[in-house]
Amino acid sequence: MEITVYHIDRADADVYLMPLLEAPKKRVSEEQTERYMLRHVFGEDAELSHEADGRPLVENSSCMISLSHSNTHLAMAVSHKIKVGIDIESVSPRLDRVKHKFLSEDELRQLPSKDLTSLALCWSAKEAIYKVAGEKAGALGEHITLDVAHINNHRFGARIADEKFEVEVVEQNEDYEMVVAWKC
C-alpha cells in the first residue's frame, strides 16, 4: 500500500496519507490502516496509545502525532518539536446545512466563497486547531476565530483569545481537504 509523505517546513512536521485498507466495517478498516501506517513510520514494534485527554501517542516515542480519517483515507501528522493537529474532511453537502454550527456570523460574512470546498476547509481548520488547543477551543470550536479572508492562500491564521495558530493546507481536491495546524 502506498503512503504519500509531505513535509511541512514551518511546523517541522511530516504528514502521511494513505487510502483506508479494505475491511468489512469502516472502524476495522481505520484500525488496520492505523496499525499499518504506524509500523511503516515508527517500526514493527510501534503501538498506539492515548493520553488522558484522548490525544494519540506512539508508545516509547517522543514524537507528537495527530490522526484523522475521511471516508476513504487516513492522515497522520508527526512532529518531534511541537504539538500538531491534522484533519482530513470529505467535501459533503451536509457542510452547507451545518455551517452556522462551526462558523460565526463574522466568519461567514468574511468568507470569500461559501462553496463546499471552502466550508470543508474551514471545518478541517477548526478540527485541526481543536486537536492542538483542546478544550480551550470550545466543544464545537466556537472559541476559534479563523482568518477566513486569507483562506485561499494555502496558509492562514487563527486565534483563540490571545493565542495564535497557523493552518496550512496540505492537499485539496474534489473529494477532501487536508490541513495541519499548530500554535505559533
Protein backbone atom coordinates (compact mmCIF):
# COMPACT_ATOMS: atom_id res chain seq x y z
CA MET A 1 0.00 0.00 0.00
CA GLU A 2 1.40 3.38 -0.99
CA ILE A 3 1.82 6.13 1.60
CA THR A 4 2.22 9.71 0.39
CA VAL A 5 4.52 11.87 2.53
CA TYR A 6 4.52 15.66 2.81
CA HIS A 7 6.90 17.84 4.85
CA ILE A 8 5.51 20.98 6.47
CA ASP A 9 8.57 23.20 6.93
CA ARG A 10 7.03 25.84 9.19
CA ALA A 11 5.78 23.21 11.63
CA ASP A 12 8.79 20.92 11.14
CA ALA A 13 6.30 18.09 10.73
CA ASP A 14 5.75 15.22 8.35
CA VAL A 15 2.31 14.28 7.09
CA TYR A 16 1.47 10.76 5.93
CA LEU A 17 -1.57 9.96 3.82
CA MET A 18 -2.87 6.63 2.59
CA PRO A 19 -6.15 5.09 1.42
CA LEU A 20 -8.01 3.06 4.03
CA LEU A 21 -7.38 -0.68 3.80
CA GLU A 22 -10.38 -2.76 2.82
CA ALA A 23 -12.30 -4.42 5.64
CA PRO A 24 -15.94 -5.42 6.23
CA LYS A 25 -16.54 -2.49 8.64
CA LYS A 26 -15.24 1.09 8.42
CA ARG A 27 -13.91 1.14 12.02
CA VAL A 28 -11.98 -2.10 11.41
CA SER A 29 -10.58 -0.59 8.21
CA GLU A 30 -9.47 2.53 10.11
CA GLU A 31 -7.79 0.49 12.86
CA GLN A 32 -5.98 -1.78 10.39
CA THR A 33 -4.81 1.24 8.39
CA GLU A 34 -3.58 2.99 11.57
CA ARG A 35 -1.55 -0.10 12.55
CA TYR A 36 -0.10 -0.40 9.05
CA MET A 37 0.91 3.28 8.93
CA LEU A 38 2.32 3.35 12.48
CA ARG A 39 4.51 0.34 11.77
CA HIS A 40 5.62 1.80 8.45
CA VAL A 41 6.61 5.12 10.06
CA PHE A 42 7.79 4.01 13.54
CA GLY A 43 8.81 0.37 13.05
CA GLU A 44 7.26 -3.05 13.60
CA ASP A 45 7.01 -2.68 17.39
CA ALA A 46 5.05 0.60 17.25
CA GLU A 47 1.96 0.66 19.44
CA LEU A 48 -0.70 3.35 19.55
CA SER A 49 -1.91 4.58 22.91
CA HIS A 50 -3.73 7.69 24.13
CA GLU A 51 -3.00 10.43 26.64
CA ALA A 52 -5.54 11.21 29.38
CA ASP A 53 -7.13 13.87 27.13
CA GLY A 54 -7.57 11.32 24.32
CA ARG A 55 -4.70 12.60 22.19
CA PRO A 56 -2.96 9.72 20.36
CA LEU A 57 0.65 8.84 21.11
CA VAL A 58 3.12 6.25 19.98
CA GLU A 59 4.44 4.27 22.94
CA ASN A 60 8.20 4.67 23.55
CA SER A 61 8.44 7.65 21.19
CA SER A 62 8.93 11.34 21.92
CA CYS A 63 7.08 12.31 18.72
CA MET A 64 3.78 14.11 18.86
CA ILE A 65 1.17 12.75 16.46
CA SER A 66 -2.30 13.56 15.27
CA LEU A 67 -4.61 11.26 13.30
CA SER A 68 -7.64 11.88 11.12
CA HIS A 69 -9.87 9.73 8.90
CA SER A 70 -12.06 10.63 5.95
CA ASN A 71 -14.42 8.23 4.24
CA THR A 72 -11.53 6.96 2.13
CA HIS A 73 -8.19 7.97 3.72
CA LEU A 74 -6.11 8.08 6.89
CA ALA A 75 -3.86 11.06 7.59
CA MET A 76 -1.19 11.30 10.29
CA ALA A 77 0.94 14.30 11.26
CA VAL A 78 4.19 13.69 13.15
CA SER A 79 6.40 16.29 14.83
CA HIS A 80 9.47 15.93 17.04
CA LYS A 81 9.17 19.50 18.34
CA ILE A 82 5.63 20.86 18.58
CA LYS A 83 2.06 19.70 19.03
CA VAL A 84 0.33 19.50 15.65
CA GLY A 85 -3.23 18.76 14.67
CA ILE A 86 -4.38 17.27 11.39
CA ASP A 87 -7.77 16.91 9.83
CA ILE A 88 -8.96 15.43 6.58
CA GLU A 89 -12.56 16.23 5.70
CA SER A 90 -14.70 14.87 2.89
CA VAL A 91 -16.34 17.56 0.80
CA SER A 92 -20.02 16.98 1.51
CA PRO A 93 -23.32 18.85 1.05
CA ARG A 94 -24.05 18.40 4.78
CA LEU A 95 -21.43 21.10 5.49
CA ASP A 96 -23.71 23.71 3.96
CA ARG A 97 -26.53 22.63 6.28
CA VAL A 98 -24.41 22.87 9.45
CA LYS A 99 -22.12 25.82 8.60
CA HIS A 100 -23.74 28.01 11.28
CA LYS A 101 -22.68 25.47 13.91
CA PHE A 102 -18.97 25.76 13.15
CA LEU A 103 -18.63 29.27 11.66
CA SER A 104 -19.52 32.55 13.35
CA GLU A 105 -21.60 35.19 11.58
CA ASP A 106 -18.40 37.28 11.12
CA GLU A 107 -16.54 34.30 9.62
CA LEU A 108 -19.43 33.58 7.25
CA ARG A 109 -19.62 37.24 6.21
CA GLN A 110 -15.85 37.44 5.52
CA LEU A 111 -15.53 34.05 3.80
CA PRO A 112 -14.61 34.81 0.16
CA SER A 113 -16.58 31.82 -1.14
CA LYS A 114 -19.24 29.75 0.57
CA ASP A 115 -18.83 26.75 -1.73
CA LEU A 116 -18.49 23.26 -0.25
CA THR A 117 -14.71 23.25 -0.71
CA SER A 118 -14.31 26.42 1.39
CA LEU A 119 -16.68 25.10 4.04
CA ALA A 120 -14.74 21.81 4.23
CA LEU A 121 -11.52 23.81 4.59
CA CYS A 122 -12.98 25.84 7.49
CA TRP A 123 -14.28 22.71 9.21
CA SER A 124 -10.89 20.99 8.80
CA ALA A 125 -9.02 24.02 10.10
CA LYS A 126 -11.15 24.19 13.24
CA GLU A 127 -10.85 20.42 13.81
CA ALA A 128 -7.05 20.54 13.44
CA ILE A 129 -6.77 23.53 15.81
CA TYR A 130 -9.03 21.76 18.31
CA LYS A 131 -6.57 18.83 18.29
CA VAL A 132 -3.80 21.25 19.31
CA ALA A 133 -5.70 23.51 21.73
CA GLY A 134 -8.09 21.03 23.33
CA GLU A 135 -10.94 22.33 25.46
CA LYS A 136 -9.83 25.96 25.06
CA ALA A 137 -11.27 25.72 21.54
CA GLY A 138 -14.80 25.10 22.85
CA ALA A 139 -16.93 22.00 22.38
CA LEU A 140 -17.68 22.87 18.73
CA GLY A 141 -14.65 25.07 18.09
CA GLU A 142 -16.71 28.16 18.89
CA HIS A 143 -13.73 29.89 20.56
CA ILE A 144 -11.62 29.54 17.40
CA THR A 145 -11.62 32.51 15.03
CA LEU A 146 -10.30 31.78 11.54
CA ASP A 147 -8.74 34.44 9.34
CA VAL A 148 -11.14 33.41 6.58
CA ALA A 149 -10.26 36.40 4.37
CA HIS A 150 -6.94 34.60 3.63
CA ILE A 151 -8.31 31.08 3.44
CA ASN A 152 -7.46 30.68 -0.27
CA ASN A 153 -3.72 31.28 0.36
CA HIS A 154 -3.00 27.68 1.48
CA ARG A 155 -1.70 29.12 4.75
CA PHE A 156 -3.73 31.29 7.10
CA GLY A 157 -4.01 32.23 10.72
CA ALA A 158 -6.47 31.62 13.52
CA ARG A 159 -6.73 32.53 17.16
CA ILE A 160 -8.27 31.55 20.45
CA ALA A 161 -8.27 34.65 22.66
CA ASP A 162 -4.58 35.78 22.69
CA GLU A 163 -3.18 32.51 21.33
CA LYS A 164 -2.28 32.41 17.65
CA PHE A 165 -2.36 29.36 15.42
CA GLU A 166 -1.29 28.71 11.88
CA VAL A 167 -3.08 26.45 9.43
CA GLU A 168 -1.53 25.03 6.28
CA VAL A 169 -3.49 23.30 3.54
CA VAL A 170 -1.62 20.10 2.72
CA GLU A 171 -3.89 18.77 -0.02
CA GLN A 172 -7.11 19.91 -1.65
CA ASN A 173 -9.18 18.09 -4.24
CA GLU A 174 -12.84 17.49 -5.08
CA ASP A 175 -13.04 14.63 -2.56
CA TYR A 176 -11.38 16.05 0.56
CA GLU A 177 -9.47 18.86 2.27
CA MET A 178 -6.46 18.07 4.45
CA VAL A 179 -4.88 20.63 6.78
CA VAL A 180 -2.30 20.77 9.55
CA ALA A 181 -2.44 23.31 12.40
CA TRP A 182 -0.04 24.35 15.15
CA LYS A 183 0.32 27.04 17.79
CA CYS A 184 2.58 29.94 16.80
